[in-house]
PDB file of N, CA and C in Angstrom:
ATOM      1  N   MET A   1      14.826 -30.947 -28.168  1.00  0.00           N
ATOM      2  CA  MET A   1      13.884 -30.082 -29.096  1.00  0.00           C
ATOM      3  C   MET A   1      12.953 -29.103 -28.066  1.00  0.00           C
ATOM      4  N   GLY A   2      12.883 -29.636 -26.815  1.00  0.00           N
ATOM      5  CA  GLY A   2      12.148 -28.696 -25.774  1.00  0.00           C
ATOM      6  C   GLY A   2      12.976 -27.577 -25.552  1.00  0.00           C
ATOM      7  N   THR A   3      12.383 -26.551 -25.088  1.00  0.00           N
ATOM      8  CA  THR A   3      13.232 -25.394 -24.632  1.00  0.00           C
ATOM      9  C   THR A   3      12.889 -25.484 -23.106  1.00  0.00           C
ATOM     10  N   GLU A   4      14.270 -25.035 -22.371  1.00  0.00           N
ATOM     11  CA  GLU A   4      14.026 -24.997 -20.931  1.00  0.00           C
ATOM     12  C   GLU A   4      14.044 -23.687 -20.631  1.00  0.00           C
ATOM     13  N   THR A   5      13.151 -23.483 -19.465  1.00  0.00           N
ATOM     14  CA  THR A   5      13.115 -22.170 -18.740  1.00  0.00           C
ATOM     15  C   THR A   5      13.620 -21.912 -17.479  1.00  0.00           C
ATOM     16  N   LYS A   6      14.515 -21.018 -17.079  1.00  0.00           N
ATOM     17  CA  LYS A   6      14.802 -20.858 -15.758  1.00  0.00           C
ATOM     18  C   LYS A   6      13.914 -19.894 -15.085  1.00  0.00           C
ATOM     19  N   LYS A   7      13.792 -20.268 -14.098  1.00  0.00           N
ATOM     20  CA  LYS A   7      12.917 -19.479 -13.158  1.00  0.00           C
ATOM     21  C   LYS A   7      13.973 -18.489 -12.526  1.00  0.00           C
ATOM     22  N   THR A   8      13.485 -17.269 -12.452  1.00  0.00           N
ATOM     23  CA  THR A   8      14.528 -16.294 -12.204  1.00  0.00           C
ATOM     24  C   THR A   8      13.987 -15.686 -10.931  1.00  0.00           C
ATOM     25  N   THR A   9      14.539 -15.278  -9.741  1.00  0.00           N
ATOM     26  CA  THR A   9      14.145 -14.909  -8.637  1.00  0.00           C
ATOM     27  C   THR A   9      14.630 -13.488  -8.350  1.00  0.00           C
ATOM     28  N   PRO A  10      14.118 -12.286  -8.034  1.00  0.00           N
ATOM     29  CA  PRO A  10      14.885 -11.159  -7.804  1.00  0.00           C
ATOM     30  C   PRO A  10      15.994 -11.300  -6.767  1.00  0.00           C
ATOM     31  N   SER A  11      17.077 -10.566  -7.195  1.00  0.00           N
ATOM     32  CA  SER A  11      18.104 -10.874  -6.239  1.00  0.00           C
ATOM     33  C   SER A  11      17.955  -9.817  -4.896  1.00  0.00           C
ATOM     34  N   SER A  12      18.074 -10.332  -3.972  1.00  0.00           N
ATOM     35  CA  SER A  12      17.973  -9.361  -2.703  1.00  0.00           C
ATOM     36  C   SER A  12      19.564  -8.846  -2.343  1.00  0.00           C
ATOM     37  N   LYS A  13      19.130  -7.598  -2.101  1.00  0.00           N
ATOM     38  CA  LYS A  13      20.523  -7.036  -1.719  1.00  0.00           C
ATOM     39  C   LYS A  13      20.771  -7.232  -0.322  1.00  0.00           C
ATOM     40  N   PRO A  14      22.166  -7.605   0.073  1.00  0.00           N
ATOM     41  CA  PRO A  14      22.366  -7.899   1.493  1.00  0.00           C
ATOM     42  C   PRO A  14      22.208  -6.444   2.358  1.00  0.00           C
ATOM     43  N   ARG A  15      21.477  -6.543   3.469  1.00  0.00           N
ATOM     44  CA  ARG A  15      21.554  -5.604   4.462  1.00  0.00           C
ATOM     45  C   ARG A  15      22.731  -5.134   4.778  1.00  0.00           C
ATOM     46  N   GLN A  16      22.836  -3.814   4.804  1.00  0.00           N
ATOM     47  CA  GLN A  16      24.163  -3.098   5.352  1.00  0.00           C
ATOM     48  C   GLN A  16      24.009  -3.027   6.875  1.00  0.00           C
ATOM     49  N   LEU A  17      25.261  -2.999   7.417  1.00  0.00           N
ATOM     50  CA  LEU A  17      25.405  -2.948   8.838  1.00  0.00           C
ATOM     51  C   LEU A  17      25.070  -1.515   9.283  1.00  0.00           C
ATOM     52  N   GLY A  18      24.955  -1.313  10.628  1.00  0.00           N
ATOM     53  CA  GLY A  18      24.626  -0.150  11.056  1.00  0.00           C
ATOM     54  C   GLY A  18      23.299   0.229  11.272  1.00  0.00           C
ATOM     55  N   ASP A  19      22.862   1.464  11.081  1.00  0.00           N
ATOM     56  CA  ASP A  19      21.513   1.814  11.434  1.00  0.00           C
ATOM     57  C   ASP A  19      20.514   1.912  10.049  1.00  0.00           C
ATOM     58  N   SER A  20      20.993   1.342   9.066  1.00  0.00           N
ATOM     59  CA  SER A  20      20.231   1.403   8.015  1.00  0.00           C
ATOM     60  C   SER A  20      18.954   0.734   8.120  1.00  0.00           C
ATOM     61  N   GLY A  21      18.948  -0.708   9.007  1.00  0.00           N
ATOM     62  CA  GLY A  21      17.855  -1.474   9.178  1.00  0.00           C
ATOM     63  C   GLY A  21      16.778  -0.586   9.867  1.00  0.00           C
ATOM     64  N   GLN A  22      17.227   0.243  10.864  1.00  0.00           N
ATOM     65  CA  GLN A  22      16.434   1.081  11.685  1.00  0.00           C
ATOM     66  C   GLN A  22      15.781   2.151  10.833  1.00  0.00           C
ATOM     67  N   GLN A  23      16.644   2.754   9.749  1.00  0.00           N
ATOM     68  CA  GLN A  23      15.876   3.750   8.906  1.00  0.00           C
ATOM     69  C   GLN A  23      14.798   3.049   8.034  1.00  0.00           C
ATOM     70  N   GLY A  24      14.944   2.043   7.465  1.00  0.00           N
ATOM     71  CA  GLY A  24      14.102   1.372   6.821  1.00  0.00           C
ATOM     72  C   GLY A  24      12.901   1.008   7.708  1.00  0.00           C
ATOM     73  N   ALA A  25      13.026   0.721   8.841  1.00  0.00           N
ATOM     74  CA  ALA A  25      11.715   0.602  10.004  1.00  0.00           C
ATOM     75  C   ALA A  25      10.953   1.521  10.025  1.00  0.00           C
ATOM     76  N   ASP A  26      11.871   3.001  10.131  1.00  0.00           N
ATOM     77  CA  ASP A  26      11.342   4.140  10.329  1.00  0.00           C
ATOM     78  C   ASP A  26      10.443   4.617   9.206  1.00  0.00           C
ATOM     79  N   LYS A  27      11.042   4.294   7.998  1.00  0.00           N
ATOM     80  CA  LYS A  27      10.351   4.723   6.702  1.00  0.00           C
ATOM     81  C   LYS A  27       9.012   3.898   6.487  1.00  0.00           C
ATOM     82  N   ASP A  28       9.029   2.589   6.989  1.00  0.00           N
ATOM     83  CA  ASP A  28       7.846   1.850   6.839  1.00  0.00           C
ATOM     84  C   ASP A  28       6.913   2.357   7.893  1.00  0.00           C
ATOM     85  N   ARG A  29       7.329   2.638   9.063  1.00  0.00           N
ATOM     86  CA  ARG A  29       6.565   3.270  10.079  1.00  0.00           C
ATOM     87  C   ARG A  29       5.655   4.519   9.515  1.00  0.00           C
ATOM     88  N   ASP A  30       6.533   5.462   9.159  1.00  0.00           N
ATOM     89  CA  ASP A  30       6.080   6.717   8.553  1.00  0.00           C
ATOM     90  C   ASP A  30       5.025   6.468   7.416  1.00  0.00           C
ATOM     91  N   MET A  31       5.382   5.729   6.442  1.00  0.00           N
ATOM     92  CA  MET A  31       4.432   5.339   5.345  1.00  0.00           C
ATOM     93  C   MET A  31       3.156   4.652   5.928  1.00  0.00           C
ATOM     94  N   GLY A  32       3.278   3.786   6.788  1.00  0.00           N
ATOM     95  CA  GLY A  32       2.078   3.186   7.369  1.00  0.00           C
ATOM     96  C   GLY A  32       1.233   4.339   7.971  1.00  0.00           C
ATOM     97  N   GLY A  33       1.718   5.215   8.679  1.00  0.00           N
ATOM     98  CA  GLY A  33       0.985   6.225   9.250  1.00  0.00           C
ATOM     99  C   GLY A  33       0.474   7.200   8.453  1.00  0.00           C
ATOM    100  N   ALA A  34       1.070   7.400   7.200  1.00  0.00           N
ATOM    101  CA  ALA A  34       0.527   8.308   6.165  1.00  0.00           C
ATOM    102  C   ALA A  34      -0.665   7.462   5.607  1.00  0.00           C
ATOM    103  N   LEU A  35      -0.603   6.078   5.105  1.00  0.00           N
ATOM    104  CA  LEU A  35      -1.426   5.667   4.672  1.00  0.00           C
ATOM    105  C   LEU A  35      -2.748   5.412   5.419  1.00  0.00           C
ATOM    106  N   ARG A  36      -2.514   5.199   6.755  1.00  0.00           N
ATOM    107  CA  ARG A  36      -3.749   5.243   7.878  1.00  0.00           C
ATOM    108  C   ARG A  36      -4.394   6.606   7.829  1.00  0.00           C
ATOM    109  N   SER A  37      -3.661   7.626   7.771  1.00  0.00           N
ATOM    110  CA  SER A  37      -4.045   8.976   7.837  1.00  0.00           C
ATOM    111  C   SER A  37      -5.209   9.224   6.597  1.00  0.00           C
ATOM    112  N   VAL A  38      -4.660   9.004   5.422  1.00  0.00           N
ATOM    113  CA  VAL A  38      -5.286   9.021   4.239  1.00  0.00           C
ATOM    114  C   VAL A  38      -6.574   8.278   4.097  1.00  0.00           C
ATOM    115  N   TYR A  39      -6.340   6.905   4.630  1.00  0.00           N
ATOM    116  CA  TYR A  39      -7.589   6.001   4.815  1.00  0.00           C
ATOM    117  C   TYR A  39      -8.757   6.660   5.492  1.00  0.00           C
ATOM    118  N   GLN A  40      -8.270   7.197   6.623  1.00  0.00           N
ATOM    119  CA  GLN A  40      -9.160   7.750   7.698  1.00  0.00           C
ATOM    120  C   GLN A  40      -9.957   8.848   7.155  1.00  0.00           C
ATOM    121  N   LYS A  41      -9.297   9.715   6.441  1.00  0.00           N
ATOM    122  CA  LYS A  41      -9.948  10.910   6.038  1.00  0.00           C
ATOM    123  C   LYS A  41     -10.755  10.481   4.924  1.00  0.00           C
ATOM    124  N   ALA A  42     -10.725   9.471   4.176  1.00  0.00           N
ATOM    125  CA  ALA A  42     -11.658   9.041   3.127  1.00  0.00           C
ATOM    126  C   ALA A  42     -12.894   8.552   3.729  1.00  0.00           C
ATOM    127  N   VAL A  43     -12.553   7.741   4.964  1.00  0.00           N
ATOM    128  CA  VAL A  43     -13.635   7.031   5.450  1.00  0.00           C
ATOM    129  C   VAL A  43     -14.509   8.062   6.236  1.00  0.00           C
ATOM    130  N   ASP A  44     -13.902   9.427   6.572  1.00  0.00           N
ATOM    131  CA  ASP A  44     -14.763  10.264   7.404  1.00  0.00           C
ATOM    132  C   ASP A  44     -15.334  11.285   6.510  1.00  0.00           C
ATOM    133  N   GLU A  45     -15.076  11.194   5.162  1.00  0.00           N
ATOM    134  CA  GLU A  45     -15.470  12.032   4.298  1.00  0.00           C
ATOM    135  C   GLU A  45     -17.061  11.839   4.237  1.00  0.00           C
ATOM    136  N   LYS A  46     -17.800  12.912   3.876  1.00  0.00           N
ATOM    137  CA  LYS A  46     -19.246  12.845   3.828  1.00  0.00           C
ATOM    138  C   LYS A  46     -19.618  12.462   2.330  1.00  0.00           C
ATOM    139  N   ILE A  47     -20.589  11.436   2.034  1.00  0.00           N
ATOM    140  CA  ILE A  47     -21.129  11.054   1.059  1.00  0.00           C
ATOM    141  C   ILE A  47     -22.000  12.216   0.467  1.00  0.00           C
ATOM    142  N   PRO A  48     -21.731  12.491  -0.840  1.00  0.00           N
ATOM    143  CA  PRO A  48     -22.519  13.622  -1.300  1.00  0.00           C
ATOM    144  C   PRO A  48     -23.998  13.262  -1.474  1.00  0.00           C
ATOM    145  N   ASP A  49     -24.850  14.165  -1.372  1.00  0.00           N
ATOM    146  CA  ASP A  49     -26.255  13.772  -1.449  1.00  0.00           C
ATOM    147  C   ASP A  49     -26.590  13.246  -2.831  1.00  0.00           C
ATOM    148  N   GLU A  50     -26.008  13.830  -3.870  1.00  0.00           N
ATOM    149  CA  GLU A  50     -26.259  13.243  -5.134  1.00  0.00           C
ATOM    150  C   GLU A  50     -26.200  11.811  -5.267  1.00  0.00           C
ATOM    151  N   MET A  51     -24.856  11.332  -4.406  1.00  0.00           N
ATOM    152  CA  MET A  51     -24.833   9.958  -4.551  1.00  0.00           C
ATOM    153  C   MET A  51     -25.662   9.190  -3.775  1.00  0.00           C
ATOM    154  N   LEU A  52     -25.934   9.646  -2.729  1.00  0.00           N
ATOM    155  CA  LEU A  52     -26.918   9.068  -1.719  1.00  0.00           C
ATOM    156  C   LEU A  52     -28.453   8.769  -2.422  1.00  0.00           C
ATOM    157  N   ASP A  53     -28.818   9.918  -3.116  1.00  0.00           N
ATOM    158  CA  ASP A  53     -29.918   9.721  -3.967  1.00  0.00           C
ATOM    159  C   ASP A  53     -29.697   8.731  -4.978  1.00  0.00           C
ATOM    160  N   LEU A  54     -28.838   8.745  -5.695  1.00  0.00           N
ATOM    161  CA  LEU A  54     -28.685   7.617  -6.790  1.00  0.00           C
ATOM    162  C   LEU A  54     -28.664   6.299  -6.097  1.00  0.00           C
ATOM    163  N   LEU A  55     -28.135   6.023  -4.934  1.00  0.00           N
ATOM    164  CA  LEU A  55     -28.223   4.972  -4.332  1.00  0.00           C
ATOM    165  C   LEU A  55     -29.541   4.484  -3.658  1.00  0.00           C
ATOM    166  N   SER A  56     -30.363   5.480  -3.306  1.00  0.00           N
ATOM    167  CA  SER A  56     -31.540   5.064  -2.853  1.00  0.00           C
ATOM    168  C   SER A  56     -32.409   4.631  -3.952  1.00  0.00           C
ATOM    169  N   LYS A  57     -32.295   5.132  -5.285  1.00  0.00           N
ATOM    170  CA  LYS A  57     -32.989   4.773  -6.356  1.00  0.00           C
ATOM    171  C   LYS A  57     -32.943   3.242  -6.626  1.00  0.00           C
ATOM    172  N   LEU A  58     -31.720   2.598  -6.288  1.00  0.00           N
ATOM    173  CA  LEU A  58     -31.537   1.213  -6.515  1.00  0.00           C
ATOM    174  C   LEU A  58     -32.241   0.277  -5.739  1.00  0.00           C
ATOM    175  N   ASP A  59     -32.940   0.776  -4.572  1.00  0.00           N
ATOM    176  CA  ASP A  59     -33.548  -0.160  -3.857  1.00  0.00           C
ATOM    177  C   ASP A  59     -35.026  -0.227  -4.518  1.00  0.00           C
TER     178      ASP A  59
END
């Protein structure tokens, strides 16, 4: 009377031989560099005076 549930896991595609692993690593490195660059630009961005004024009112 109970129902059985099967746990499914995503099937992983087998890695192809050749330089495809290197291409994937290159893409990962490029993506990581792009994300670090965007993050650093956000960190370096000046906080607007209006925001600083609002934050000072919280104290």
